[in-house]
Amino acid sequence: VKHEQGIPFELKIPSAKTLQALEEADNRIGETISYEEFMKESEAHAKTLQN
């Protein structure tokens, strides 16, 4: 930070939607998915993009 005389990237204020999502995550509100399920879904989605 000292070398750059400030923060070396643009700071952005989170939107209301982002703040709500963070609060829901903190309170464990909403859908949950295991890592394995996430990977399965991600791989299936990636295959649809290749076709």
C-alpha atoms as a PDB file:
ATOM      1  CA  VAL A   1       0.000   0.000   0.000  1.00  0.00           C
ATOM      2  CA  LYS A   2       2.804   2.411   0.858  1.00  0.00           C
ATOM      3  CA  HIS A   3       4.612   1.713  -2.424  1.00  0.00           C
ATOM      4  CA  GLU A   4       1.455   2.435  -4.440  1.00  0.00           C
ATOM      5  CA  GLN A   5       0.568   5.432  -2.248  1.00  0.00           C
ATOM      6  CA  GLY A   6      -2.863   3.894  -1.772  1.00  0.00           C
ATOM      7  CA  ILE A   7      -4.718   0.705  -2.518  1.00  0.00           C
ATOM      8  CA  PRO A   8      -3.530  -0.731  -5.864  1.00  0.00           C
ATOM      9  CA  PHE A   9      -7.044  -1.566  -7.086  1.00  0.00           C
ATOM     10  CA  GLU A  10     -10.440   0.086  -7.417  1.00  0.00           C
ATOM     11  CA  LEU A  11     -12.636  -0.137  -4.326  1.00  0.00           C
ATOM     12  CA  LYS A  12     -16.302  -0.812  -4.885  1.00  0.00           C
ATOM     13  CA  ILE A  13     -19.184  -0.477  -2.438  1.00  0.00           C
ATOM     14  CA  PRO A  14     -21.267  -3.687  -2.331  1.00  0.00           C
ATOM     15  CA  SER A  15     -24.794  -3.393  -3.689  1.00  0.00           C
ATOM     16  CA  ALA A  16     -27.884  -4.032  -1.561  1.00  0.00           C
ATOM     17  CA  LYS A  17     -28.287  -7.394  -3.325  1.00  0.00           C
ATOM     18  CA  THR A  18     -24.723  -8.403  -2.445  1.00  0.00           C
ATOM     19  CA  LEU A  19     -25.149  -7.306   1.176  1.00  0.00           C
ATOM     20  CA  GLN A  20     -28.362  -9.342   1.417  1.00  0.00           C
ATOM     21  CA  ALA A  21     -26.620 -12.410  -0.028  1.00  0.00           C
ATOM     22  CA  LEU A  22     -23.768 -12.043   2.470  1.00  0.00           C
ATOM     23  CA  GLU A  23     -26.212 -11.747   5.363  1.00  0.00           C
ATOM     24  CA  GLU A  24     -28.111 -14.830   4.176  1.00  0.00           C
ATOM     25  CA  ALA A  25     -24.854 -16.767   3.921  1.00  0.00           C
ATOM     26  CA  ASP A  26     -23.836 -15.695   7.433  1.00  0.00           C
ATOM     27  CA  ASN A  27     -27.207 -16.885   8.751  1.00  0.00           C
ATOM     28  CA  ARG A  28     -27.150 -20.061   6.641  1.00  0.00           C
ATOM     29  CA  ILE A  29     -30.377 -19.106   4.874  1.00  0.00           C
ATOM     30  CA  GLY A  30     -31.058 -20.616   1.468  1.00  0.00           C
ATOM     31  CA  GLU A  31     -30.034 -23.612  -0.544  1.00  0.00           C
ATOM     32  CA  THR A  32     -26.902 -25.518   0.368  1.00  0.00           C
ATOM     33  CA  ILE A  33     -24.958 -27.901  -1.820  1.00  0.00           C
ATOM     34  CA  SER A  34     -22.013 -30.192  -1.173  1.00  0.00           C
ATOM     35  CA  TYR A  35     -18.729 -29.710  -2.974  1.00  0.00           C
ATOM     36  CA  GLU A  36     -19.275 -32.986  -4.819  1.00  0.00           C
ATOM     37  CA  GLU A  37     -22.749 -31.914  -5.997  1.00  0.00           C
ATOM     38  CA  PHE A  38     -21.377 -28.541  -7.055  1.00  0.00           C
ATOM     39  CA  MET A  39     -18.634 -30.174  -9.114  1.00  0.00           C
ATOM     40  CA  LYS A  40     -21.128 -32.548 -10.774  1.00  0.00           C
ATOM     41  CA  GLU A  41     -23.409 -29.678 -11.729  1.00  0.00           C
ATOM     42  CA  SER A  42     -20.483 -27.540 -12.897  1.00  0.00           C
ATOM     43  CA  GLU A  43     -19.108 -30.303 -15.105  1.00  0.00           C
ATOM     44  CA  ALA A  44     -22.550 -30.983 -16.595  1.00  0.00           C
ATOM     45  CA  HIS A  45     -23.007 -27.282 -17.309  1.00  0.00           C
ATOM     46  CA  ALA A  46     -19.537 -27.032 -18.882  1.00  0.00           C
ATOM     47  CA  LYS A  47     -20.430 -29.889 -21.246  1.00  0.00           C
ATOM     48  CA  THR A  48     -23.539 -28.016 -22.426  1.00  0.00           C
ATOM     49  CA  LEU A  49     -21.369 -25.018 -23.257  1.00  0.00           C
ATOM     50  CA  GLN A  50     -19.011 -27.124 -25.382  1.00  0.00           C
ATOM     51  CA  ASN A  51     -21.781 -28.359 -27.686  1.00  0.00           C
END
